[in-house]
C-alpha atoms as a PDB file:
ATOM      1  CA  MET A   1      46.221  43.797  -5.874  1.00  0.00           C
ATOM      2  CA  VAL A   2      47.418  41.415  -8.606  1.00  0.00           C
ATOM      3  CA  LYS A   3      51.128  40.356  -7.950  1.00  0.00           C
ATOM      4  CA  MET A   4      53.340  37.744 -10.069  1.00  0.00           C
ATOM      5  CA  SER A   5      54.706  35.313  -7.167  1.00  0.00           C
ATOM      6  CA  SER A   6      56.068  33.152  -9.577  1.00  0.00           C
ATOM      7  CA  PHE A   7      57.595  33.142 -13.182  1.00  0.00           C
ATOM      8  CA  LYS A   8      58.096  29.561 -13.889  1.00  0.00           C
ATOM      9  CA  GLY A   9      56.167  28.370 -16.772  1.00  0.00           C
ATOM     10  CA  LYS A  10      54.597  32.065 -17.853  1.00  0.00           C
ATOM     11  CA  VAL A  11      54.858  33.281 -20.762  1.00  0.00           C
ATOM     12  CA  ALA A  12      56.408  36.758 -21.384  1.00  0.00           C
ATOM     13  CA  LEU A  13      55.943  39.274 -24.410  1.00  0.00           C
ATOM     14  CA  ILE A  14      58.508  41.950 -24.510  1.00  0.00           C
ATOM     15  CA  THR A  15      58.525  44.859 -26.928  1.00  0.00           C
ATOM     16  CA  GLY A  16      61.565  46.495 -27.428  1.00  0.00           C
ATOM     17  CA  GLY A  17      63.331  42.933 -26.364  1.00  0.00           C
ATOM     18  CA  SER A  18      66.421  43.255 -28.701  1.00  0.00           C
ATOM     19  CA  SER A  19      68.185  45.493 -26.484  1.00  0.00           C
ATOM     20  CA  GLY A  20      68.485  47.749 -23.362  1.00  0.00           C
ATOM     21  CA  ILE A  21      65.816  47.269 -20.582  1.00  0.00           C
ATOM     22  CA  GLY A  22      63.774  45.090 -22.992  1.00  0.00           C
ATOM     23  CA  LEU A  23      66.958  42.650 -23.384  1.00  0.00           C
ATOM     24  CA  GLU A  24      67.727  42.835 -19.574  1.00  0.00           C
ATOM     25  CA  ALA A  25      63.836  42.058 -18.750  1.00  0.00           C
ATOM     26  CA  ALA A  26      63.792  39.081 -20.920  1.00  0.00           C
ATOM     27  CA  GLY A  27      67.115  37.581 -19.393  1.00  0.00           C
ATOM     28  CA  LYS A  28      66.094  38.225 -16.088  1.00  0.00           C
ATOM     29  CA  LEU A  29      62.843  36.501 -16.456  1.00  0.00           C
ATOM     30  CA  HIS A  30      64.136  33.871 -18.795  1.00  0.00           C
ATOM     31  CA  SER A  31      66.667  32.819 -15.683  1.00  0.00           C
ATOM     32  CA  ARG A  32      63.258  32.590 -13.482  1.00  0.00           C
ATOM     33  CA  GLY A  33      61.751  29.895 -15.858  1.00  0.00           C
ATOM     34  CA  ALA A  34      59.712  32.168 -17.934  1.00  0.00           C
ATOM     35  CA  ASP A  35      59.318  31.208 -21.652  1.00  0.00           C
ATOM     36  CA  ILE A  36      60.183  34.230 -23.818  1.00  0.00           C
ATOM     37  CA  LEU A  37      58.871  36.239 -26.602  1.00  0.00           C
ATOM     38  CA  ILE A  38      60.582  39.505 -27.912  1.00  0.00           C
ATOM     39  CA  ALA A  39      59.268  41.828 -30.435  1.00  0.00           C
ATOM     40  CA  ALA A  40      61.322  44.763 -31.971  1.00  0.00           C
ATOM     41  CA  ARG A  41      61.759  46.090 -35.375  1.00  0.00           C
ATOM     42  CA  ASP A  42      64.913  44.793 -36.462  1.00  0.00           C
ATOM     43  CA  GLU A  43      65.252  41.104 -37.282  1.00  0.00           C
ATOM     44  CA  GLU A  44      69.128  40.707 -36.828  1.00  0.00           C
ATOM     45  CA  LYS A  45      69.036  42.478 -33.542  1.00  0.00           C
ATOM     46  CA  LEU A  46      65.967  40.037 -32.375  1.00  0.00           C
ATOM     47  CA  LYS A  47      68.323  37.082 -33.641  1.00  0.00           C
ATOM     48  CA  GLY A  48      71.399  38.089 -31.663  1.00  0.00           C
ATOM     49  CA  ALA A  49      69.408  38.799 -28.687  1.00  0.00           C
ATOM     50  CA  VAL A  50      67.531  35.239 -29.297  1.00  0.00           C
ATOM     51  CA  SER A  51      71.010  33.506 -28.941  1.00  0.00           C
ATOM     52  CA  THR A  52      71.997  35.631 -25.785  1.00  0.00           C
ATOM     53  CA  ILE A  53      68.545  34.678 -23.974  1.00  0.00           C
ATOM     54  CA  GLY A  54      68.677  31.212 -24.563  1.00  0.00           C
ATOM     55  CA  GLU A  55      66.326  28.065 -24.988  1.00  0.00           C
ATOM     56  CA  ARG A  56      62.526  28.872 -24.418  1.00  0.00           C
ATOM     57  CA  THR A  57      62.714  32.292 -26.693  1.00  0.00           C
ATOM     58  CA  SER A  58      61.073  33.551 -29.493  1.00  0.00           C
ATOM     59  CA  TRP A  59      61.112  36.518 -31.838  1.00  0.00           C
ATOM     60  CA  TYR A  60      58.530  38.536 -33.885  1.00  0.00           C
ATOM     61  CA  ALA A  61      59.434  41.624 -35.751  1.00  0.00           C
ATOM     62  CA  VAL A  62      56.750  44.313 -35.611  1.00  0.00           C
ATOM     63  CA  ASP A  63      56.006  47.854 -35.221  1.00  0.00           C
ATOM     64  CA  VAL A  64      54.373  48.632 -32.250  1.00  0.00           C
ATOM     65  CA  SER A  65      52.804  52.082 -33.501  1.00  0.00           C
ATOM     66  CA  ASP A  66      51.263  50.249 -36.632  1.00  0.00           C
ATOM     67  CA  TRP A  67      47.904  48.875 -35.326  1.00  0.00           C
ATOM     68  CA  GLU A  68      47.349  46.416 -38.151  1.00  0.00           C
ATOM     69  CA  ALA A  69      50.757  44.559 -37.818  1.00  0.00           C
ATOM     70  CA  VAL A  70      50.343  44.509 -33.791  1.00  0.00           C
ATOM     71  CA  SER A  71      46.810  43.261 -34.135  1.00  0.00           C
ATOM     72  CA  SER A  72      48.354  40.682 -36.833  1.00  0.00           C
ATOM     73  CA  LEU A  73      50.960  39.757 -34.115  1.00  0.00           C
ATOM     74  CA  SER A  74      48.503  39.192 -31.715  1.00  0.00           C
ATOM     75  CA  GLU A  75      46.345  36.835 -33.802  1.00  0.00           C
ATOM     76  CA  LYS A  76      49.953  34.983 -34.823  1.00  0.00           C
ATOM     77  CA  ILE A  77      51.140  34.515 -31.131  1.00  0.00           C
ATOM     78  CA  THR A  78      47.737  33.029 -30.173  1.00  0.00           C
ATOM     79  CA  ARG A  79      47.775  30.425 -32.757  1.00  0.00           C
ATOM     80  CA  GLU A  80      51.176  29.402 -31.961  1.00  0.00           C
ATOM     81  CA  ARG A  81      51.792  29.739 -28.576  1.00  0.00           C
ATOM     82  CA  GLY A  82      48.314  30.296 -26.663  1.00  0.00           C
ATOM     83  CA  LYS A  83      47.524  32.868 -24.309  1.00  0.00           C
ATOM     84  CA  ILE A  84      50.241  34.907 -22.416  1.00  0.00           C
ATOM     85  CA  ASP A  85      50.760  35.715 -18.743  1.00  0.00           C
ATOM     86  CA  ILE A  86      53.052  38.811 -19.204  1.00  0.00           C
ATOM     87  CA  LEU A  87      53.348  42.004 -21.591  1.00  0.00           C
ATOM     88  CA  ILE A  88      56.146  44.278 -20.437  1.00  0.00           C
ATOM     89  CA  ASN A  89      55.963  47.467 -23.345  1.00  0.00           C
ATOM     90  CA  SER A  90      59.411  48.733 -23.415  1.00  0.00           C
ATOM     91  CA  ALA A  91      60.171  49.700 -26.777  1.00  0.00           C
ATOM     92  CA  GLY A  92      60.615  53.501 -27.202  1.00  0.00           C
ATOM     93  CA  MET A  93      62.528  56.433 -28.765  1.00  0.00           C
ATOM     94  CA  VAL A  94      63.599  59.740 -27.878  1.00  0.00           C
ATOM     95  CA  HIS A  95      65.002  62.492 -30.057  1.00  0.00           C
ATOM     96  CA  PRO A  96      65.731  65.808 -27.774  1.00  0.00           C
ATOM     97  CA  SER A  97      64.913  69.164 -29.633  1.00  0.00           C
ATOM     98  CA  GLU A  98      63.376  72.227 -28.388  1.00  0.00           C
ATOM     99  CA  LEU A  99      59.716  72.481 -30.400  1.00  0.00           C
ATOM    100  CA  SER A 100      60.767  75.407 -32.466  1.00  0.00           C
ATOM    101  CA  VAL A 101      63.123  73.410 -34.716  1.00  0.00           C
ATOM    102  CA  MET A 102      61.708  69.788 -33.770  1.00  0.00           C
ATOM    103  CA  ASP A 103      60.987  68.171 -37.298  1.00  0.00           C
ATOM    104  CA  PRO A 104      56.985  67.195 -37.301  1.00  0.00           C
ATOM    105  CA  VAL A 105      57.916  63.863 -38.542  1.00  0.00           C
ATOM    106  CA  ILE A 106      59.913  63.127 -35.431  1.00  0.00           C
ATOM    107  CA  MET A 107      57.294  64.592 -33.387  1.00  0.00           C
ATOM    108  CA  LYS A 108      54.585  62.266 -34.476  1.00  0.00           C
ATOM    109  CA  ARG A 109      56.627  59.284 -34.474  1.00  0.00           C
ATOM    110  CA  THR A 110      57.593  59.916 -30.842  1.00  0.00           C
ATOM    111  CA  VAL A 111      54.118  59.895 -30.021  1.00  0.00           C
ATOM    112  CA  ASP A 112      53.260  57.109 -32.287  1.00  0.00           C
ATOM    113  CA  VAL A 113      55.593  54.614 -30.613  1.00  0.00           C
ATOM    114  CA  ASP A 114      56.174  55.959 -27.135  1.00  0.00           C
ATOM    115  CA  LEU A 115      52.493  56.147 -26.347  1.00  0.00           C
ATOM    116  CA  MET A 116      50.576  54.631 -29.219  1.00  0.00           C
ATOM    117  CA  GLY A 117      52.611  51.679 -29.343  1.00  0.00           C
ATOM    118  CA  THR A 118      51.968  50.762 -25.758  1.00  0.00           C
ATOM    119  CA  MET A 119      48.327  51.389 -26.071  1.00  0.00           C
ATOM    120  CA  ASN A 120      48.046  49.181 -29.609  1.00  0.00           C
ATOM    121  CA  MET A 121      49.914  46.056 -27.921  1.00  0.00           C
ATOM    122  CA  CYS A 122      47.708  46.384 -24.689  1.00  0.00           C
ATOM    123  CA  ARG A 123      44.682  46.545 -26.718  1.00  0.00           C
ATOM    124  CA  ALA A 124      45.325  43.659 -29.050  1.00  0.00           C
ATOM    125  CA  PHE A 125      46.853  41.152 -26.231  1.00  0.00           C
ATOM    126  CA  LEU A 126      44.320  42.042 -23.352  1.00  0.00           C
ATOM    127  CA  GLY A 127      41.806  39.366 -25.460  1.00  0.00           C
ATOM    128  CA  SER A 128      44.860  36.509 -24.895  1.00  0.00           C
ATOM    129  CA  MET A 129      46.042  37.340 -21.342  1.00  0.00           C
ATOM    130  CA  ARG A 130      46.043  34.752 -18.492  1.00  0.00           C
ATOM    131  CA  ARG A 131      44.274  35.761 -15.345  1.00  0.00           C
ATOM    132  CA  PRO A 132      45.916  36.427 -13.152  1.00  0.00           C
ATOM    133  CA  GLY A 133      48.212  38.140 -15.582  1.00  0.00           C
ATOM    134  CA  TYR A 134      50.556  41.377 -15.571  1.00  0.00           C
ATOM    135  CA  ILE A 135      51.049  44.410 -18.138  1.00  0.00           C
ATOM    136  CA  VAL A 136      54.137  46.645 -17.581  1.00  0.00           C
ATOM    137  CA  ASN A 137      54.413  49.844 -19.113  1.00  0.00           C
ATOM    138  CA  ILE A 138      57.972  51.865 -19.351  1.00  0.00           C
ATOM    139  CA  SER A 139      57.060  55.449 -18.904  1.00  0.00           C
ATOM    140  CA  SER A 140      60.074  57.855 -17.480  1.00  0.00           C
ATOM    141  CA  MET A 141      61.522  60.606 -15.116  1.00  0.00           C
ATOM    142  CA  ALA A 142      60.208  62.677 -17.860  1.00  0.00           C
ATOM    143  CA  GLY A 143      57.034  61.214 -17.527  1.00  0.00           C
ATOM    144  CA  PHE A 144      56.300  62.790 -14.469  1.00  0.00           C
ATOM    145  CA  LEU A 145      58.887  65.918 -14.837  1.00  0.00           C
ATOM    146  CA  GLY A 146      58.583  67.693 -18.332  1.00  0.00           C
ATOM    147  CA  LEU A 147      62.030  69.046 -19.113  1.00  0.00           C
ATOM    148  CA  TYR A 148      63.517  71.324 -21.629  1.00  0.00           C
ATOM    149  CA  GLY A 149      64.110  69.505 -24.925  1.00  0.00           C
ATOM    150  CA  TYR A 150      61.768  66.901 -24.279  1.00  0.00           C
ATOM    151  CA  THR A 151      58.422  68.415 -25.312  1.00  0.00           C
ATOM    152  CA  ALA A 152      57.495  65.400 -27.641  1.00  0.00           C
ATOM    153  CA  TYR A 153      58.765  62.619 -25.339  1.00  0.00           C
ATOM    154  CA  SER A 154      57.662  64.229 -22.115  1.00  0.00           C
ATOM    155  CA  ALA A 155      54.016  64.306 -23.793  1.00  0.00           C
ATOM    156  CA  ALA A 156      54.266  60.834 -24.944  1.00  0.00           C
ATOM    157  CA  LYS A 157      55.425  59.506 -21.472  1.00  0.00           C
ATOM    158  CA  PHE A 158      53.230  61.435 -19.557  1.00  0.00           C
ATOM    159  CA  GLY A 159      50.564  59.937 -21.499  1.00  0.00           C
ATOM    160  CA  VAL A 160      51.482  56.428 -20.701  1.00  0.00           C
ATOM    161  CA  TRP A 161      51.536  56.915 -17.031  1.00  0.00           C
ATOM    162  CA  GLY A 162      47.910  58.734 -17.441  1.00  0.00           C
ATOM    163  CA  PHE A 163      46.698  55.503 -19.937  1.00  0.00           C
ATOM    164  CA  SER A 164      48.423  52.755 -17.213  1.00  0.00           C
ATOM    165  CA  GLU A 165      46.439  54.610 -14.329  1.00  0.00           C
ATOM    166  CA  ALA A 166      43.072  54.093 -15.966  1.00  0.00           C
ATOM    167  CA  LEU A 167      44.023  50.234 -17.212  1.00  0.00           C
ATOM    168  CA  ARG A 168      44.825  49.761 -13.848  1.00  0.00           C
ATOM    169  CA  MET A 169      41.441  50.604 -12.731  1.00  0.00           C
ATOM    170  CA  GLU A 170      39.830  48.903 -15.551  1.00  0.00           C
ATOM    171  CA  LEU A 171      41.707  45.243 -15.383  1.00  0.00           C
ATOM    172  CA  GLU A 172      42.353  44.830 -11.441  1.00  0.00           C
ATOM    173  CA  PRO A 173      38.705  43.540 -11.231  1.00  0.00           C
ATOM    174  CA  ASP A 174      39.669  41.257 -13.789  1.00  0.00           C
ATOM    175  CA  GLY A 175      42.869  39.637 -12.235  1.00  0.00           C
ATOM    176  CA  ILE A 176      45.332  41.892 -14.379  1.00  0.00           C
ATOM    177  CA  GLY A 177      48.072  43.751 -12.385  1.00  0.00           C
ATOM    178  CA  VAL A 178      49.678  47.127 -14.263  1.00  0.00           C
ATOM    179  CA  SER A 179      52.635  48.620 -13.113  1.00  0.00           C
ATOM    180  CA  VAL A 180      54.412  51.763 -14.809  1.00  0.00           C
ATOM    181  CA  VAL A 181      57.958  52.180 -14.429  1.00  0.00           C
ATOM    182  CA  PHE A 182      59.734  55.626 -14.521  1.00  0.00           C
ATOM    183  CA  PRO A 183      63.399  54.842 -15.232  1.00  0.00           C
ATOM    184  CA  PRO A 184      66.198  57.967 -14.970  1.00  0.00           C
ATOM    185  CA  ASP A 185      68.810  58.030 -17.991  1.00  0.00           C
ATOM    186  CA  THR A 186      69.546  54.124 -18.311  1.00  0.00           C
ATOM    187  CA  ASP A 187      72.778  53.223 -20.076  1.00  0.00           C
ATOM    188  CA  THR A 188      71.206  51.683 -23.465  1.00  0.00           C
ATOM    189  CA  PRO A 189      72.255  52.290 -27.254  1.00  0.00           C
ATOM    190  CA  GLN A 190      68.917  54.860 -26.866  1.00  0.00           C
ATOM    191  CA  LEU A 191      70.545  56.846 -24.260  1.00  0.00           C
ATOM    192  CA  GLU A 192      73.786  56.795 -26.256  1.00  0.00           C
ATOM    193  CA  TYR A 193      71.728  58.636 -29.483  1.00  0.00           C
ATOM    194  CA  GLU A 194      69.878  60.817 -27.178  1.00  0.00           C
ATOM    195  CA  ASN A 195      72.982  62.063 -25.636  1.00  0.00           C
ATOM    196  CA  ALA A 196      74.543  62.939 -29.170  1.00  0.00           C
ATOM    197  CA  HIS A 197      71.257  65.118 -29.825  1.00  0.00           C
ATOM    198  CA  LYS A 198      70.475  66.848 -26.278  1.00  0.00           C
ATOM    199  CA  PRO A 199      70.416  70.758 -26.212  1.00  0.00           C
ATOM    200  CA  ARG A 200      72.887  72.108 -23.860  1.00  0.00           C
ATOM    201  CA  GLU A 201      70.024  73.273 -21.439  1.00  0.00           C
ATOM    202  CA  LEU A 202      69.364  69.501 -21.110  1.00  0.00           C
ATOM    203  CA  LYS A 203      72.699  68.435 -20.677  1.00  0.00           C
ATOM    204  CA  GLU A 204      72.806  71.179 -17.985  1.00  0.00           C
ATOM    205  CA  ILE A 205      70.312  69.369 -16.075  1.00  0.00           C
ATOM    206  CA  GLY A 206      71.136  65.843 -16.156  1.00  0.00           C
ATOM    207  CA  ASP A 207      74.922  65.445 -17.058  1.00  0.00           C
ATOM    208  CA  THR A 208      75.777  65.416 -13.361  1.00  0.00           C
ATOM    209  CA  ILE A 209      73.858  62.014 -12.861  1.00  0.00           C
ATOM    210  CA  ARG A 210      75.234  59.230 -13.780  1.00  0.00           C
ATOM    211  CA  PRO A 211      73.229  56.868 -15.925  1.00  0.00           C
ATOM    212  CA  ILE A 212      71.837  53.304 -14.377  1.00  0.00           C
ATOM    213  CA  SER A 213      72.305  50.064 -16.079  1.00  0.00           C
ATOM    214  CA  PRO A 214      69.367  48.491 -17.903  1.00  0.00           C
ATOM    215  CA  GLY A 215      69.675  45.529 -15.691  1.00  0.00           C
ATOM    216  CA  HIS A 216      68.917  47.813 -12.712  1.00  0.00           C
ATOM    217  CA  VAL A 217      65.570  48.667 -14.061  1.00  0.00           C
ATOM    218  CA  ALA A 218      64.650  45.077 -15.193  1.00  0.00           C
ATOM    219  CA  ASP A 219      65.121  44.072 -11.441  1.00  0.00           C
ATOM    220  CA  ALA A 220      62.914  47.160 -10.568  1.00  0.00           C
ATOM    221  CA  ILE A 221      60.198  45.621 -12.843  1.00  0.00           C
ATOM    222  CA  ILE A 222      60.644  42.521 -11.429  1.00  0.00           C
ATOM    223  CA  ARG A 223      60.202  43.280  -7.826  1.00  0.00           C
ATOM    224  CA  GLY A 224      57.470  45.620  -8.700  1.00  0.00           C
ATOM    225  CA  MET A 225      55.681  42.780 -10.283  1.00  0.00           C
ATOM    226  CA  GLU A 226      55.938  40.705  -7.347  1.00  0.00           C
ATOM    227  CA  LYS A 227      54.547  43.029  -5.352  1.00  0.00           C
ATOM    228  CA  GLY A 228      51.886  44.200  -6.955  1.00  0.00           C
ATOM    229  CA  ALA A 229      53.213  47.837  -7.261  1.00  0.00           C
ATOM    230  CA  PHE A 230      51.492  50.129  -9.526  1.00  0.00           C
ATOM    231  CA  MET A 231      54.286  52.939  -9.409  1.00  0.00           C
ATOM    232  CA  VAL A 232      57.540  51.492 -10.091  1.00  0.00           C
ATOM    233  CA  HIS A 233      60.908  54.038  -9.668  1.00  0.00           C
ATOM    234  CA  PRO A 234      63.899  52.071  -9.992  1.00  0.00           C
ATOM    235  CA  THR A 235      66.309  54.512  -8.234  1.00  0.00           C
ATOM    236  CA  SER A 236      65.175  56.170  -4.555  1.00  0.00           C
ATOM    237  CA  SER A 237      66.614  59.427  -6.037  1.00  0.00           C
ATOM    238  CA  GLY A 238      63.841  58.984  -8.857  1.00  0.00           C
ATOM    239  CA  GLY A 239      61.311  58.454  -6.025  1.00  0.00           C
ATOM    240  CA  MET A 240      62.443  61.770  -4.365  1.00  0.00           C
ATOM    241  CA  THR A 241      62.100  63.790  -7.211  1.00  0.00           C
ATOM    242  CA  PHE A 242      58.554  62.519  -7.771  1.00  0.00           C
ATOM    243  CA  LEU A 243      57.220  63.587  -4.410  1.00  0.00           C
ATOM    244  CA  ALA A 244      59.409  66.695  -4.840  1.00  0.00           C
ATOM    245  CA  LYS A 245      57.198  67.346  -7.958  1.00  0.00           C
ATOM    246  CA  ARG A 246      54.014  66.551  -6.011  1.00  0.00           C
ATOM    247  CA  MET A 247      54.848  68.330  -2.923  1.00  0.00           C
ATOM    248  CA  MET A 248      56.996  71.384  -3.865  1.00  0.00           C
ATOM    249  CA  PRO A 249      56.644  71.903  -7.514  1.00  0.00           C
ATOM    250  CA  THR A 250      57.596  75.335  -7.430  1.00  0.00           C
ATOM    251  CA  LEU A 251      60.639  75.088  -5.712  1.00  0.00           C
ATOM    252  CA  LEU A 252      61.758  72.242  -7.960  1.00  0.00           C
ATOM    253  CA  SER A 253      60.540  74.291 -10.860  1.00  0.00           C
ATOM    254  CA  ASN A 254      62.859  77.175  -9.781  1.00  0.00           C
ATOM    255  CA  PHE A 255      65.728  74.837  -9.476  1.00  0.00           C
ATOM    256  CA  LEU A 256      65.433  73.391 -13.158  1.00  0.00           C
ATOM    257  CA  ASP A 257      65.140  76.543 -14.587  1.00  0.00           C
ATOM    258  CA  GLY A 258      67.938  78.162 -12.580  1.00  0.00           C
ATOM    259  CA  LYS A 259      69.915  75.183 -14.772  1.00  0.00           C
ATOM    260  CA  VAL A 260      68.105  76.272 -17.800  1.00  0.00           C
ATOM    261  CA  LYS A 261      69.508  79.762 -17.383  1.00  0.00           C
ATOM    262  CA  SER A 262      73.061  78.748 -16.339  1.00  0.00           C
ATOM    263  CA  ALA A 263      73.071  76.840 -19.500  1.00  0.00           C
ATOM    264  CA  ARG A 264      71.929  79.563 -21.574  1.00  0.00           C
ATOM    265  CA  GLY A 265      74.605  81.946 -19.782  1.00  0.00           C
ATOM    266  CA  SER A 266      77.446  79.792 -20.838  1.00  0.00           C
ATOM    267  CA  LYS A 267      76.453  79.739 -24.417  1.00  0.00           C
ATOM    268  CA  ARG A 268      77.491  83.468 -24.785  1.00  0.00           C
END
């Protein structure tokens, strides 16, 4: 089992590092002595994030769904900084919608960013990671629990879980640890956008649950690396839901189906 017992002097590359979970993880690792490299698409947000995090922080603009761009980024960082110790794949997107009306462009973009972006980054940077090293991939509770309105998102995030499980088996003998994180709703700009587009049925399922802070998720990420934990649930309720899904799938499905029926009844 690979563990990251200290972060002082480590080089951590974080995608989605300009906001939300990625930015919080960058800040917390920086406070523990790591040098931070953040990557995202928006240059202005990246510059603002660097000023927030502080010294020993660099930024890189990249679309993680673009293999050629990611490959070029790997070459650039290797030339400028040498090898990295930690890779956190936090870049992601979600646009809730029933499949029957989902824009195929959004459907593909969701899978390209959330799943292929994670795979691209891992593939591109494996050759430039020190041993021991660590990879953290961000899935979602929707990555083990398919929910109404999340057909594309759940497909991508379930994929992140499966990819991470296979990757852990490949890399553990080589001294690289892998964690996959399953956050619930988290208070980020992405959630604000998501809430504006959620179908009523999805709101019925999740509106009674208070979102957690991105700092809470970042703390869980760091604990996961310190413990060498493969599956990381930032909340106890998330862990319990995962167990319910594995041990009592029919009961959980019936409960969620009831929420959907209740929402549809309120539409009449």
